[in-house]
Every structure is written in C-alpha cells, then in structure tokens.
C-alpha atoms as a PDB file:
ATOM      1  CA  MET A   1       0.000   0.000   0.000  1.00  0.00           C
ATOM      2  CA  GLN A   2       1.058   3.577  -0.640  1.00  0.00           C
ATOM      3  CA  ILE A   3      -0.037   7.031   0.444  1.00  0.00           C
ATOM      4  CA  PHE A   4      -0.236   9.863  -2.082  1.00  0.00           C
ATOM      5  CA  VAL A   5      -0.354  13.180  -0.209  1.00  0.00           C
ATOM      6  CA  GLY A   6      -1.473  16.438  -1.801  1.00  0.00           C
ATOM      7  CA  LEU A   7      -0.475  19.635  -0.008  1.00  0.00           C
ATOM      8  CA  GLY A   8      -2.738  22.653   0.294  1.00  0.00           C
ATOM      9  CA  ASN A   9      -4.997  24.574   2.637  1.00  0.00           C
ATOM     10  CA  PRO A  10      -8.600  23.511   3.356  1.00  0.00           C
ATOM     11  CA  GLY A  11     -11.671  25.544   2.451  1.00  0.00           C
ATOM     12  CA  GLY A  12     -13.114  27.238  -0.604  1.00  0.00           C
ATOM     13  CA  LYS A  13     -11.118  30.417   0.059  1.00  0.00           C
ATOM     14  CA  TYR A  14      -7.895  28.620  -0.872  1.00  0.00           C
ATOM     15  CA  ALA A  15      -9.202  26.111  -3.417  1.00  0.00           C
ATOM     16  CA  ARG A  16      -7.648  27.735  -6.524  1.00  0.00           C
ATOM     17  CA  ASN A  17      -4.496  29.086  -4.844  1.00  0.00           C
ATOM     18  CA  ARG A  18      -1.117  28.192  -6.332  1.00  0.00           C
ATOM     19  CA  HIS A  19      -0.253  26.668  -2.939  1.00  0.00           C
ATOM     20  CA  ASN A  20      -3.114  24.172  -3.438  1.00  0.00           C
ATOM     21  CA  ILE A  21      -1.872  22.522  -6.618  1.00  0.00           C
ATOM     22  CA  GLY A  22      -1.183  19.344  -4.602  1.00  0.00           C
ATOM     23  CA  PHE A  23      -4.874  19.119  -3.662  1.00  0.00           C
ATOM     24  CA  MET A  24      -5.788  19.686  -7.325  1.00  0.00           C
ATOM     25  CA  ALA A  25      -3.532  16.842  -8.472  1.00  0.00           C
ATOM     26  CA  LEU A  26      -5.171  14.366  -6.086  1.00  0.00           C
ATOM     27  CA  ASP A  27      -8.676  15.504  -7.059  1.00  0.00           C
ATOM     28  CA  GLN A  28      -7.824  14.801 -10.715  1.00  0.00           C
ATOM     29  CA  ILE A  29      -6.443  11.336  -9.913  1.00  0.00           C
ATOM     30  CA  ALA A  30      -9.475  10.451  -7.780  1.00  0.00           C
ATOM     31  CA  ALA A  31     -11.922  11.554 -10.473  1.00  0.00           C
ATOM     32  CA  ASP A  32     -10.162   9.799 -13.364  1.00  0.00           C
ATOM     33  CA  HIS A  33      -9.366   6.497 -11.661  1.00  0.00           C
ATOM     34  CA  GLY A  34     -12.634   5.708  -9.921  1.00  0.00           C
ATOM     35  CA  PHE A  35     -11.503   6.240  -6.329  1.00  0.00           C
ATOM     36  CA  ALA A  36     -13.977   6.001  -3.439  1.00  0.00           C
ATOM     37  CA  PRO A  37     -15.763   9.164  -2.248  1.00  0.00           C
ATOM     38  CA  TRP A  38     -13.706  11.438  -0.008  1.00  0.00           C
ATOM     39  CA  LYS A  39     -14.194  11.025   3.735  1.00  0.00           C
ATOM     40  CA  SER A  40     -12.719  12.572   6.886  1.00  0.00           C
ATOM     41  CA  LYS A  41      -9.851  10.666   8.528  1.00  0.00           C
ATOM     42  CA  PHE A  42      -6.349  11.348   9.880  1.00  0.00           C
ATOM     43  CA  ASN A  43      -7.099  15.075  10.246  1.00  0.00           C
ATOM     44  CA  GLY A  44      -7.673  15.224   6.517  1.00  0.00           C
ATOM     45  CA  GLN A  45      -9.738  14.024   3.582  1.00  0.00           C
ATOM     46  CA  VAL A  46      -8.976  10.532   2.266  1.00  0.00           C
ATOM     47  CA  SER A  47     -10.012   8.462  -0.734  1.00  0.00           C
ATOM     48  CA  GLU A  48      -9.014   4.861  -1.463  1.00  0.00           C
ATOM     49  CA  GLY A  49      -8.461   3.121  -4.774  1.00  0.00           C
ATOM     50  CA  ARG A  50      -5.937   1.281  -6.921  1.00  0.00           C
ATOM     51  CA  LEU A  51      -3.198   2.586  -9.200  1.00  0.00           C
ATOM     52  CA  GLY A  52      -0.956   0.297 -11.189  1.00  0.00           C
ATOM     53  CA  GLY A  53      -0.660  -2.885  -9.172  1.00  0.00           C
ATOM     54  CA  ASP A  54      -1.045  -1.352  -5.712  1.00  0.00           C
ATOM     55  CA  LYS A  55      -3.648  -0.014  -3.338  1.00  0.00           C
ATOM     56  CA  VAL A  56      -3.279   3.731  -2.821  1.00  0.00           C
ATOM     57  CA  LEU A  57      -4.660   6.085  -0.191  1.00  0.00           C
ATOM     58  CA  LEU A  58      -5.069   9.676  -1.360  1.00  0.00           C
ATOM     59  CA  LEU A  59      -4.675  12.111   1.550  1.00  0.00           C
ATOM     60  CA  LYS A  60      -5.370  15.852   1.662  1.00  0.00           C
ATOM     61  CA  PRO A  61      -4.377  17.141   5.136  1.00  0.00           C
ATOM     62  CA  GLU A  62      -6.841  19.621   6.641  1.00  0.00           C
ATOM     63  CA  THR A  63      -4.458  20.881   9.322  1.00  0.00           C
ATOM     64  CA  PHE A  64      -3.398  23.804   7.100  1.00  0.00           C
ATOM     65  CA  MET A  65      -0.075  23.759   5.259  1.00  0.00           C
ATOM     66  CA  ASN A  66       2.237  24.446   8.215  1.00  0.00           C
ATOM     67  CA  LEU A  67       0.976  21.389  10.121  1.00  0.00           C
ATOM     68  CA  SER A  68       0.643  18.924   7.213  1.00  0.00           C
ATOM     69  CA  GLY A  69       3.040  16.446   8.838  1.00  0.00           C
ATOM     70  CA  GLN A  70       0.572  15.645  11.640  1.00  0.00           C
ATOM     71  CA  SER A  71      -1.914  14.158   9.195  1.00  0.00           C
ATOM     72  CA  VAL A  72       0.731  12.352   7.129  1.00  0.00           C
ATOM     73  CA  GLY A  73       2.418  10.838  10.194  1.00  0.00           C
ATOM     74  CA  GLU A  74      -0.898   9.640  11.607  1.00  0.00           C
ATOM     75  CA  ALA A  75      -1.880   7.876   8.373  1.00  0.00           C
ATOM     76  CA  MET A  76       1.565   6.317   7.905  1.00  0.00           C
ATOM     77  CA  ARG A  77       1.612   4.884  11.426  1.00  0.00           C
ATOM     78  CA  PHE A  78      -1.952   3.571  11.133  1.00  0.00           C
ATOM     79  CA  TYR A  79      -1.058   1.482   8.065  1.00  0.00           C
ATOM     80  CA  LYS A  80       2.418   0.604   9.419  1.00  0.00           C
ATOM     81  CA  LEU A  81       4.132   2.072   6.372  1.00  0.00           C
ATOM     82  CA  GLU A  82       7.613   3.479   5.851  1.00  0.00           C
ATOM     83  CA  PRO A  83       8.476   6.979   4.587  1.00  0.00           C
ATOM     84  CA  GLY A  84       9.409   5.418   1.235  1.00  0.00           C
ATOM     85  CA  ASP A  85       5.742   4.434   0.790  1.00  0.00           C
ATOM     86  CA  VAL A  86       4.707   8.100   0.857  1.00  0.00           C
ATOM     87  CA  THR A  87       4.620  10.404  -2.186  1.00  0.00           C
ATOM     88  CA  VAL A  88       3.923  14.115  -1.652  1.00  0.00           C
ATOM     89  CA  PHE A  89       2.582  16.388  -4.425  1.00  0.00           C
ATOM     90  CA  HIS A  90       3.465  20.036  -3.786  1.00  0.00           C
ATOM     91  CA  ASP A  91       3.956  23.438  -5.413  1.00  0.00           C
ATOM     92  CA  GLU A  92       7.521  24.316  -6.412  1.00  0.00           C
ATOM     93  CA  LEU A  93       8.679  27.921  -6.802  1.00  0.00           C
ATOM     94  CA  ASP A  94      11.995  26.923  -8.361  1.00  0.00           C
ATOM     95  CA  LEU A  95      10.391  25.223 -11.380  1.00  0.00           C
ATOM     96  CA  ALA A  96       8.817  27.045 -14.317  1.00  0.00           C
ATOM     97  CA  PRO A  97       4.998  26.921 -14.492  1.00  0.00           C
ATOM     98  CA  GLY A  98       3.797  23.552 -15.802  1.00  0.00           C
ATOM     99  CA  LYS A  99       7.055  21.678 -15.155  1.00  0.00           C
ATOM    100  CA  CYS A 100       6.997  18.469 -13.116  1.00  0.00           C
ATOM    101  CA  ARG A 101       9.899  16.661 -11.446  1.00  0.00           C
ATOM    102  CA  VAL A 102      10.068  13.590  -9.190  1.00  0.00           C
ATOM    103  CA  LYS A 103      12.563  13.540  -6.348  1.00  0.00           C
ATOM    104  CA  MET A 104      13.340  11.044  -3.563  1.00  0.00           C
ATOM    105  CA  GLY A 105      14.479  12.493  -0.242  1.00  0.00           C
ATOM    106  CA  GLY A 106      16.383  15.725   0.302  1.00  0.00           C
ATOM    107  CA  GLY A 107      15.686  18.998   2.063  1.00  0.00           C
ATOM    108  CA  HIS A 108      12.457  20.975   2.283  1.00  0.00           C
ATOM    109  CA  ALA A 109      13.879  24.157   0.623  1.00  0.00           C
ATOM    110  CA  GLY A 110      11.820  26.356   2.937  1.00  0.00           C
ATOM    111  CA  HIS A 111       8.452  24.862   1.948  1.00  0.00           C
ATOM    112  CA  ASN A 112       6.361  24.927   5.129  1.00  0.00           C
ATOM    113  CA  GLY A 113       4.360  21.822   4.254  1.00  0.00           C
ATOM    114  CA  LEU A 114       7.481  19.774   3.571  1.00  0.00           C
ATOM    115  CA  ARG A 115       9.159  21.158   6.692  1.00  0.00           C
ATOM    116  CA  SER A 116       6.272  19.856   8.787  1.00  0.00           C
ATOM    117  CA  ILE A 117       6.386  16.438   7.107  1.00  0.00           C
ATOM    118  CA  HIS A 118      10.140  16.254   7.741  1.00  0.00           C
ATOM    119  CA  GLN A 119       9.450  16.817  11.442  1.00  0.00           C
ATOM    120  CA  HIS A 120       6.976  13.918  11.601  1.00  0.00           C
ATOM    121  CA  ILE A 121       8.328  11.220   9.269  1.00  0.00           C
ATOM    122  CA  GLY A 122      11.835  12.335   8.258  1.00  0.00           C
ATOM    123  CA  GLU A 123      12.994  13.188   4.736  1.00  0.00           C
ATOM    124  CA  ALA A 124      13.109   9.755   3.034  1.00  0.00           C
ATOM    125  CA  TYR A 125       9.834  10.144   1.145  1.00  0.00           C
ATOM    126  CA  GLN A 126       9.149  10.825  -2.534  1.00  0.00           C
ATOM    127  CA  ARG A 127       8.086  14.246  -3.807  1.00  0.00           C
ATOM    128  CA  VAL A 128       6.371  15.286  -7.018  1.00  0.00           C
ATOM    129  CA  ARG A 129       7.448  18.902  -7.509  1.00  0.00           C
ATOM    130  CA  LEU A 130       4.891  20.913  -9.492  1.00  0.00           C
ATOM    131  CA  GLY A 131       6.244  24.125 -10.973  1.00  0.00           C
ATOM    132  CA  ILE A 132       4.337  27.347 -10.341  1.00  0.00           C
ATOM    133  CA  GLY A 133       7.151  29.799 -11.090  1.00  0.00           C
ATOM    134  CA  HIS A 134       8.607  32.489  -8.814  1.00  0.00           C
ATOM    135  CA  PRO A 135       7.326  36.059  -8.363  1.00  0.00           C
ATOM    136  CA  GLY A 136      10.911  37.342  -8.587  1.00  0.00           C
ATOM    137  CA  ARG A 137      11.235  38.810  -5.094  1.00  0.00           C
ATOM    138  CA  LYS A 138      11.490  36.851  -1.843  1.00  0.00           C
ATOM    139  CA  GLU A 139       9.166  39.211   0.009  1.00  0.00           C
ATOM    140  CA  ALA A 140       6.456  38.612  -2.614  1.00  0.00           C
ATOM    141  CA  VAL A 141       6.422  34.810  -2.232  1.00  0.00           C
ATOM    142  CA  ALA A 142       3.747  34.557   0.492  1.00  0.00           C
ATOM    143  CA  GLY A 143       1.235  36.636  -1.434  1.00  0.00           C
ATOM    144  CA  TYR A 144       2.073  34.847  -4.684  1.00  0.00           C
ATOM    145  CA  VAL A 145       1.481  31.280  -3.450  1.00  0.00           C
ATOM    146  CA  LEU A 146      -1.700  32.280  -1.607  1.00  0.00           C
ATOM    147  CA  HIS A 147      -3.149  33.900  -4.720  1.00  0.00           C
ATOM    148  CA  ASP A 148      -5.352  32.102  -7.263  1.00  0.00           C
ATOM    149  CA  PHE A 149      -3.889  30.915 -10.540  1.00  0.00           C
ATOM    150  CA  ALA A 150      -4.295  33.544 -13.232  1.00  0.00           C
ATOM    151  CA  LYS A 151      -6.726  33.074 -16.110  1.00  0.00           C
ATOM    152  CA  ALA A 152      -3.745  32.685 -18.447  1.00  0.00           C
ATOM    153  CA  ASP A 153      -2.499  29.718 -16.391  1.00  0.00           C
ATOM    154  CA  GLU A 154      -5.596  27.595 -16.960  1.00  0.00           C
ATOM    155  CA  VAL A 155      -4.418  25.846 -20.146  1.00  0.00           C
ATOM    156  CA  TRP A 156      -1.051  24.647 -18.857  1.00  0.00           C
ATOM    157  CA  LEU A 157      -2.519  23.842 -15.427  1.00  0.00           C
ATOM    158  CA  ASP A 158      -5.197  21.610 -16.966  1.00  0.00           C
ATOM    159  CA  ASP A 159      -2.593  19.848 -19.129  1.00  0.00           C
ATOM    160  CA  LEU A 160      -0.325  19.315 -16.111  1.00  0.00           C
ATOM    161  CA  LEU A 161      -3.089  17.858 -13.924  1.00  0.00           C
ATOM    162  CA  ARG A 162      -4.301  15.543 -16.681  1.00  0.00           C
ATOM    163  CA  GLY A 163      -0.749  14.398 -17.321  1.00  0.00           C
ATOM    164  CA  ILE A 164      -0.260  13.604 -13.633  1.00  0.00           C
ATOM    165  CA  SER A 165      -3.440  11.537 -13.700  1.00  0.00           C
ATOM    166  CA  ASP A 166      -2.367   9.770 -16.904  1.00  0.00           C
ATOM    167  CA  GLY A 167       0.919   8.705 -15.322  1.00  0.00           C
ATOM    168  CA  ALA A 168      -0.306   7.991 -11.787  1.00  0.00           C
ATOM    169  CA  GLY A 169      -0.232   4.227 -12.316  1.00  0.00           C
ATOM    170  CA  HIS A 170       3.432   4.375 -13.361  1.00  0.00           C
ATOM    171  CA  LEU A 171       4.239   6.450 -10.289  1.00  0.00           C
ATOM    172  CA  ALA A 172       2.590   3.878  -8.027  1.00  0.00           C
ATOM    173  CA  ASP A 173       4.612   1.144  -9.741  1.00  0.00           C
ATOM    174  CA  GLY A 174       7.847   2.984  -8.998  1.00  0.00           C
ATOM    175  CA  GLU A 175       8.428   4.020 -12.614  1.00  0.00           C
ATOM    176  CA  ALA A 176       9.151   7.718 -12.229  1.00  0.00           C
ATOM    177  CA  GLY A 177      10.538   8.014 -15.758  1.00  0.00           C
ATOM    178  CA  LYS A 178       7.367   6.684 -17.357  1.00  0.00           C
ATOM    179  CA  PHE A 179       5.314   8.944 -15.105  1.00  0.00           C
ATOM    180  CA  GLN A 180       7.216  12.020 -16.255  1.00  0.00           C
ATOM    181  CA  ASN A 181       6.880  10.906 -19.882  1.00  0.00           C
ATOM    182  CA  ALA A 182       3.104  10.731 -19.437  1.00  0.00           C
ATOM    183  CA  VAL A 183       3.097  14.266 -18.044  1.00  0.00           C
ATOM    184  CA  ALA A 184       5.281  15.501 -20.900  1.00  0.00           C
ATOM    185  CA  LEU A 185       2.901  14.046 -23.502  1.00  0.00           C
ATOM    186  CA  ARG A 186       0.240  16.406 -22.138  1.00  0.00           C
ATOM    187  CA  THR A 187       2.350  19.468 -21.410  1.00  0.00           C
ATOM    188  CA  ALA A 188       4.758  19.280 -24.361  1.00  0.00           C
ATOM    189  CA  PRO A 189       3.317  16.907 -26.993  1.00  0.00           C
ATOM    190  CA  PRO A 190       5.633  15.980 -29.870  1.00  0.00           C
ATOM    191  CA  ARG A 191       5.140  17.837 -33.104  1.00  0.00           C
ATOM    192  CA  SER A 192       3.482  16.067 -36.023  1.00  0.00           C
ATOM    193  CA  SER A 193       5.909  14.213 -38.281  1.00  0.00           C
ATOM    194  CA  LYS A 194       3.804  14.970 -41.356  1.00  0.00           C
ATOM    195  CA  THR A 195       5.485  17.294 -43.800  1.00  0.00           C
ATOM    196  CA  VAL A 196       3.719  19.597 -46.172  1.00  0.00           C
ATOM    197  CA  LYS A 197       4.291  18.562 -49.762  1.00  0.00           C
ATOM    198  CA  GLU A 198       5.810  21.289 -51.825  1.00  0.00           C
ATOM    199  CA  THR A 199       3.936  22.261 -54.974  1.00  0.00           C
ATOM    200  CA  PRO A 200       6.339  22.029 -57.910  1.00  0.00           C
ATOM    201  CA  ALA A 201       6.999  25.346 -59.563  1.00  0.00           C
ATOM    202  CA  LYS A 202       5.300  25.782 -62.877  1.00  0.00           C
ATOM    203  CA  ALA A 203       7.635  25.618 -65.849  1.00  0.00           C
ATOM    204  CA  VAL A 204       8.189  29.016 -67.394  1.00  0.00           C
ATOM    205  CA  LYS A 205       7.498  28.990 -71.076  1.00  0.00           C
ATOM    206  CA  PRO A 206      10.455  30.526 -72.878  1.00  0.00           C
ATOM    207  CA  ALA A 207       9.702  33.696 -74.790  1.00  0.00           C
ATOM    208  CA  GLU A 208       9.415  33.257 -78.521  1.00  0.00           C
ATOM    209  CA  ALA A 209      12.172  34.866 -80.591  1.00  0.00           C
ATOM    210  CA  PRO A 210      10.905  37.725 -82.812  1.00  0.00           C
ATOM    211  CA  ALA A 211      10.343  36.779 -86.468  1.00  0.00           C
ATOM    212  CA  GLU A 212      13.148  37.760 -88.793  1.00  0.00           C
ATOM    213  CA  ASP A 213      12.389  40.877 -90.907  1.00  0.00           C
ATOM    214  CA  ASP A 214      13.137  39.900 -94.538  1.00  0.00           C
ATOM    215  CA  ARG A 215      11.870  43.164 -96.130  1.00  0.00           C
ATOM    216  CA  SER A 216      14.199  45.093 -98.427  1.00  0.00           C
ATOM    217  CA  PRO A 217      15.470  48.536 -97.288  1.00  0.00           C
ATOM    218  CA  LEU A 218      13.209  50.191 -99.859  1.00  0.00           C
ATOM    219  CA  GLN A 219      10.123  48.357 -98.541  1.00  0.00           C
ATOM    220  CA  LYS A 220      11.001  49.310 -94.944  1.00  0.00           C
ATOM    221  CA  LEU A 221      11.270  52.971 -95.935  1.00  0.00           C
ATOM    222  CA  ALA A 222       8.010  52.844 -97.857  1.00  0.00           C
ATOM    223  CA  ASP A 223       6.163  51.240 -94.926  1.00  0.00           C
ATOM    224  CA  LYS A 224       7.113  54.172 -92.671  1.00  0.00           C
ATOM    225  CA  PHE A 225       5.094  56.541 -94.825  1.00  0.00           C
ATOM    226  CA  ARG A 226       1.975  54.394 -95.071  1.00  0.00           C
END
C-alpha cells in the first residue's frame, strides 16, 4: 500500500491558490481512476483506490499547510508504512509553471508543508514537484502562493493535472521516468511528423524569338510613310 499526499490549505477560500496545486492533483487522480468518495480521517480528507498494481490512499491534510506532517504521520503509522511508501505532491517555486519533477528524499527548501512532514516522518519520502514559477522577489512569495492561478495559467494547469493523472499508475509502480513521460505528452506533446508537400513550380514557357524581318530597305522605308 502507498499514500499519495497532496499539499494545500482547506476551504473554498484557498481552493484555486497556487499553494493548493497538490490538492488539485489528487482531485484529478481520484476523479479519473474511480476512487472512493472522499471522507474525513487522519485530520484530513482521504479516498481509497488502486493505481498500477497497488492499493493507494489519497490524503489531503486539513491541518493547514504548516501542520501537514501531523496528518501524514498519523496515516503512515496507522497502516504501518515506511516513509518510502509516501509520495507528496506540492507546489515548487523553483520550477517554471507547468514543469513536473520527481525527487526522492532531500531537504524541504523552505516549503512549510514539507518542513512539517520532515518533522513527523523524516525526509526519506518521494516528492512530485509541481512548478508554479517564482514572483521574482522573496518578500512577494507569500502573497504569490496564496493567490489564485491567473486566467492565463488555466491551459497549462489543466494539461499538467491531466498528465499527472495519466501517469499515476506508473508512479505507483515505482516508474518515475514513465510517469514524467506521461506528463510531458500532455504538457509538451511531440510535433506532427507529417510534412507539407511542396507544390512544384510551374515551368516558365520561354519567350518566342521575334520573327526575322526579310523586307528590303526600300520596302522598310516605304512602310514608314503608309
């Protein structure tokens, strides 16, 4: 069994915030793969189903971002799982919007949700880093992540979420490369290999040479006065 954790803040006020992209990813997976209805458990919302060859629990902590580790630790202990059985989907400032990267272990890079999870289960869990871009100034980060995605972001965001859902089975099977390929097919599909046939240029008909003038000099002079 595995636990897929989506990070975000509970409530309609935060539903479309950039910080809630982890919640959005799990909602897409649950909808596309026939998971059970969401219910309250482990200080969060959970939904059970199967991905690939394994049973997966989807978990959206409702403790608010800074305390996400409480919910994750409680669920992990209940099912007697190890940190390596946990995959966390979260927003990533250091990736361009729409980019997706899988990482095992490492630091929390200042992300409050990851910091809390580190405190409760350590760092040896898998992360799916979902790029939202950076506002450019450190002091603007808090307002940026707690602001809704812009209208212009909707196309790439939809492609990213659908790609995550497409590849979720590979992720559950431990095939991170295939998962990222599935995401890339949505976010950066290959160009068509069909080539446009060139229309052959029409042959230019050579100009006809002027007919030779075989009149005598006297006839030419006479014709001028006609």
